[in-house]
Structures are given as C-alpha cells and as structure tokens.
C-alpha cells in the first residue's frame, strides 16, 4: 500500500440537526465511498473550502432531488454547517498521487472510471477495507464531487477511537458558503 502523511486544518460539512457530526458510526451503518455497510466508522472531511462547497452543493442537490423547491427556499437553519477542525499528523492511504492511485488498486483516472463516470463505491470499498486492515488512519483522496476543483482533496478519517477529532469552530451556511452559485 502506498501511503502519505496528512495533518492540519480540515472541514466537515454537517447537517445542523446531527447530534455528533464528527462521529463516523452513521457511515459505518449505511456505508459510503470507502466503507461498506456494517464495516468500520469513517468521518468524511474536506481539505479546502472549495471542496467543502462542492460537497455541500452535492448534498443539497441530492437532498432536494424531486422536490418542488430549491436550496434557496430552505430555512437557513436547515442548510449545512461547516465544522473546522485540526487533524493530527498520521499516515493515510494515498489516493492523490497518480502512481499511488494505481498501486492502491484504483484506475489511474480516479475519481473518473475512464469512461466518464465516477468510480463506484463498490470499487472503492474493498480498497478502504485494505487501508483499515493495514492500520492506516484513513484515506487521502481526490474529491469526486462534481464541482470540486481538479486538485480538491478529501480525507476519510478512520474512527479508531485512539484520537478523537475535535471541532475548533462551527459556522452557519451563510457565514462560510457565500451566495448560492447554482
């Protein structure tokens, strides 16, 4: 496995109603990109604000799909909040450097599958399991969010209960996102 070090400020997009937005048990129950349902807890983070904005846009778009209203119609208290936190220095599976992506079992075109689609969760989850079994702290990866910058990076933080993530501050949607841009 190819790995890399990561640390510093990261951002979590969260629903304001979540009791503990840094708890990875929800993704463990239902599964997400790097963890299959029932496997292990992961908290998904963003390395920069533009990637966080792209993920907030993705979440709102998915949430409102088929609804007769748009994000601008929601109460401000229903919009995603931003949690700013410090991630301690640890080793993560590298799904950022092109050579490492291939060595870690993913297509060189990741997050694209080579034919214009995003690499599916079914492909990513076994890689996540290998990183978990390899005792890594998580996965540093190129964002698959549609409007993320081409170098937008995310971090799948494995909640191993040895070190807890701690919020430095929380910001309401209007304080961090800016005007709606879609």
Protein backbone atom coordinates (compact mmCIF):
# COMPACT_ATOMS: atom_id res chain seq x y z
CA UNK A 1 0.00 0.00 0.00
CA UNK A 2 1.20 3.49 -0.88
CA UNK A 3 0.63 5.96 1.93
CA UNK A 4 1.14 9.64 2.66
CA UNK A 5 1.16 11.93 5.69
CA UNK A 6 -1.65 14.38 6.28
CA UNK A 7 -2.42 16.84 9.08
CA UNK A 8 -3.73 20.33 9.69
CA UNK A 9 -7.00 22.14 9.15
CA UNK A 10 -9.84 20.18 7.54
CA UNK A 11 -13.53 20.90 7.10
CA UNK A 12 -16.61 18.81 7.80
CA UNK A 13 -19.93 19.52 6.13
CA UNK A 14 -22.73 18.58 8.51
CA UNK A 15 -26.47 18.73 8.84
CA UNK A 16 -27.18 21.13 11.72
CA UNK A 17 -29.50 18.53 13.30
CA UNK A 18 -26.74 15.91 13.72
CA UNK A 19 -26.06 15.24 17.37
CA UNK A 20 -22.37 14.42 16.86
CA UNK A 21 -21.22 15.40 13.35
CA UNK A 22 -17.71 14.00 13.90
CA UNK A 23 -18.98 10.51 14.71
CA UNK A 24 -18.33 8.01 11.91
CA UNK A 25 -20.92 5.47 13.06
CA UNK A 26 -23.54 6.68 10.55
CA UNK A 27 -21.30 5.83 7.61
CA UNK A 28 -20.49 2.52 9.29
CA UNK A 29 -24.20 1.66 9.46
CA UNK A 30 -25.08 2.67 5.92
CA UNK A 31 -21.77 2.65 4.06
CA UNK A 32 -20.15 5.34 1.96
CA UNK A 33 -17.34 5.66 -0.59
CA UNK A 34 -14.59 3.92 1.44
CA UNK A 35 -16.55 1.78 3.92
CA UNK A 36 -19.17 -0.87 3.26
CA UNK A 37 -22.33 -1.01 5.39
CA UNK A 38 -21.58 -2.63 8.76
CA UNK A 39 -17.80 -2.41 8.37
CA UNK A 40 -16.00 0.40 10.24
CA UNK A 41 -16.65 4.06 11.13
CA UNK A 42 -15.42 6.82 8.82
CA UNK A 43 -15.80 10.58 9.09
CA UNK A 44 -15.53 12.28 5.70
CA UNK A 45 -13.61 15.58 5.61
CA UNK A 46 -12.61 18.22 3.06
CA UNK A 47 -9.09 19.61 2.73
CA UNK A 48 -10.15 23.07 1.49
CA UNK A 49 -13.18 25.35 1.37
CA UNK A 50 -13.81 24.98 -2.37
CA UNK A 51 -14.06 21.21 -1.99
CA UNK A 52 -16.33 21.69 1.05
CA UNK A 53 -18.54 23.99 -1.04
CA UNK A 54 -18.72 21.38 -3.82
CA UNK A 55 -19.76 18.72 -1.31
CA UNK A 56 -22.37 20.99 0.28
CA UNK A 57 -23.78 21.64 -3.17
CA UNK A 58 -23.82 17.88 -3.88
CA UNK A 59 -25.57 17.13 -0.57
CA UNK A 60 -28.22 19.80 -1.09
CA UNK A 61 -28.79 18.78 -4.71
CA UNK A 62 -29.27 15.12 -3.70
CA UNK A 63 -31.48 16.06 -0.73
CA UNK A 64 -33.75 18.22 -2.86
CA UNK A 65 -33.89 15.97 -5.93
CA UNK A 66 -37.53 15.62 -6.98
CA UNK A 67 -38.71 18.29 -4.54
CA UNK A 68 -40.82 21.24 -5.73
CA UNK A 69 -38.39 23.73 -4.19
CA UNK A 70 -34.69 24.61 -4.31
CA UNK A 71 -31.95 25.16 -1.74
CA UNK A 72 -32.67 28.90 -1.60
CA UNK A 73 -36.17 28.05 -0.31
CA UNK A 74 -34.85 26.22 2.77
CA UNK A 75 -34.75 27.86 6.17
CA UNK A 76 -31.20 28.95 6.95
CA UNK A 77 -31.26 26.62 9.96
CA UNK A 78 -31.70 23.65 7.57
CA UNK A 79 -28.59 24.39 5.49
CA UNK A 80 -25.29 22.53 6.07
CA UNK A 81 -22.93 23.92 8.66
CA UNK A 82 -19.15 23.90 8.38
CA UNK A 83 -17.04 22.43 11.15
CA UNK A 84 -13.41 23.48 11.18
CA UNK A 85 -11.04 21.03 12.87
CA UNK A 86 -7.40 20.09 13.20
CA UNK A 87 -6.40 16.63 12.03
CA UNK A 88 -3.37 15.21 13.83
CA UNK A 89 -0.38 14.04 11.78
CA UNK A 90 -0.96 10.44 10.66
CA UNK A 91 -0.36 8.05 7.72
CA UNK A 92 -3.16 7.70 5.17
CA UNK A 93 -3.64 5.57 2.09
CA UNK A 94 -2.62 7.73 -0.88
CA UNK A 95 -5.34 8.14 -3.49
CA UNK A 96 -3.98 11.51 -4.62
CA UNK A 97 -0.67 10.84 -6.39
CA UNK A 98 -1.33 9.15 -9.75
CA UNK A 99 1.28 6.41 -9.26
CA UNK A 100 -0.08 5.64 -5.79
CA UNK A 101 -3.67 5.52 -7.04
CA UNK A 102 -2.78 2.69 -9.44
CA UNK A 103 -0.62 0.85 -6.88
CA UNK A 104 -3.53 1.04 -4.46
CA UNK A 105 -5.82 -0.78 -6.88
CA UNK A 106 -7.78 2.04 -8.50
CA UNK A 107 -7.87 3.29 -12.10
CA UNK A 108 -5.21 5.88 -12.97
CA UNK A 109 -8.07 8.19 -13.97
CA UNK A 110 -9.57 8.19 -10.44
CA UNK A 111 -12.02 9.67 -9.49
CA UNK A 112 -13.17 9.09 -13.07
CA UNK A 113 -13.52 5.46 -14.12
CA UNK A 114 -12.03 6.12 -17.56
CA UNK A 115 -15.36 6.23 -19.41
CA UNK A 116 -16.79 9.38 -17.85
CA UNK A 117 -18.35 8.05 -14.66
CA UNK A 118 -17.23 8.41 -11.06
CA UNK A 119 -15.52 5.26 -9.74
CA UNK A 120 -18.24 3.41 -7.87
CA UNK A 121 -18.39 2.78 -4.15
CA UNK A 122 -18.25 -0.97 -4.90
CA UNK A 123 -14.75 -0.46 -6.31
CA UNK A 124 -13.61 1.90 -3.52
CA UNK A 125 -14.91 -0.02 -0.50
CA UNK A 126 -12.51 -3.00 -0.80
CA UNK A 127 -9.61 -0.51 -1.02
CA UNK A 128 -10.94 1.16 2.12
CA UNK A 129 -11.08 -2.21 3.86
CA UNK A 130 -7.43 -2.86 2.96
CA UNK A 131 -6.45 0.52 4.42
CA UNK A 132 -8.45 -0.23 7.59
CA UNK A 133 -6.90 -3.70 7.90
CA UNK A 134 -3.47 -2.14 7.28
CA UNK A 135 -3.93 0.04 10.39
CA UNK A 136 -3.77 3.31 8.44
CA UNK A 137 -5.50 6.40 9.84
CA UNK A 138 -7.68 6.72 6.75
CA UNK A 139 -7.53 7.67 3.09
CA UNK A 140 -6.41 10.92 1.45
CA UNK A 141 -8.14 11.07 -1.93
CA UNK A 142 -9.07 13.28 -4.85
CA UNK A 143 -12.62 14.54 -4.46
CA UNK A 144 -15.28 13.02 -6.68
CA UNK A 145 -17.71 15.88 -6.02
CA UNK A 146 -18.90 17.25 -9.37
CA UNK A 147 -17.96 20.89 -8.76
CA UNK A 148 -14.80 20.32 -6.73
CA UNK A 149 -11.56 21.81 -8.02
CA UNK A 150 -9.43 19.36 -10.02
CA UNK A 151 -6.94 19.24 -7.14
CA UNK A 152 -9.70 19.14 -4.50
CA UNK A 153 -8.82 16.65 -1.82
CA UNK A 154 -10.82 14.88 0.84
CA UNK A 155 -9.88 12.78 3.82
CA UNK A 156 -11.65 9.66 5.03
CA UNK A 157 -10.79 9.69 8.76
CA UNK A 158 -11.00 6.21 10.29
CA UNK A 159 -12.54 6.47 13.72
CA UNK A 160 -10.33 4.03 15.62
CA UNK A 161 -11.06 5.72 18.99
CA UNK A 162 -7.35 6.28 19.67
CA UNK A 163 -7.53 10.01 18.88
CA UNK A 164 -10.75 11.97 18.61
CA UNK A 165 -11.43 14.73 16.16
CA UNK A 166 -12.26 17.99 17.90
CA UNK A 167 -14.08 20.93 16.39
CA UNK A 168 -12.27 24.25 16.52
CA UNK A 169 -15.39 26.14 15.47
CA UNK A 170 -18.69 25.79 13.64
CA UNK A 171 -20.00 28.19 11.05
CA UNK A 172 -23.52 28.61 9.71
CA UNK A 173 -24.02 28.16 5.97
CA UNK A 174 -24.28 31.86 5.18
CA UNK A 175 -21.05 32.56 7.09
CA UNK A 176 -18.90 30.11 5.12
CA UNK A 177 -20.54 29.23 1.81
CA UNK A 178 -21.36 32.64 0.39
CA UNK A 179 -24.20 33.22 -2.08
CA UNK A 180 -25.80 30.26 -3.82
CA UNK A 181 -23.93 29.65 -7.05
CA UNK A 182 -26.18 27.16 -8.75
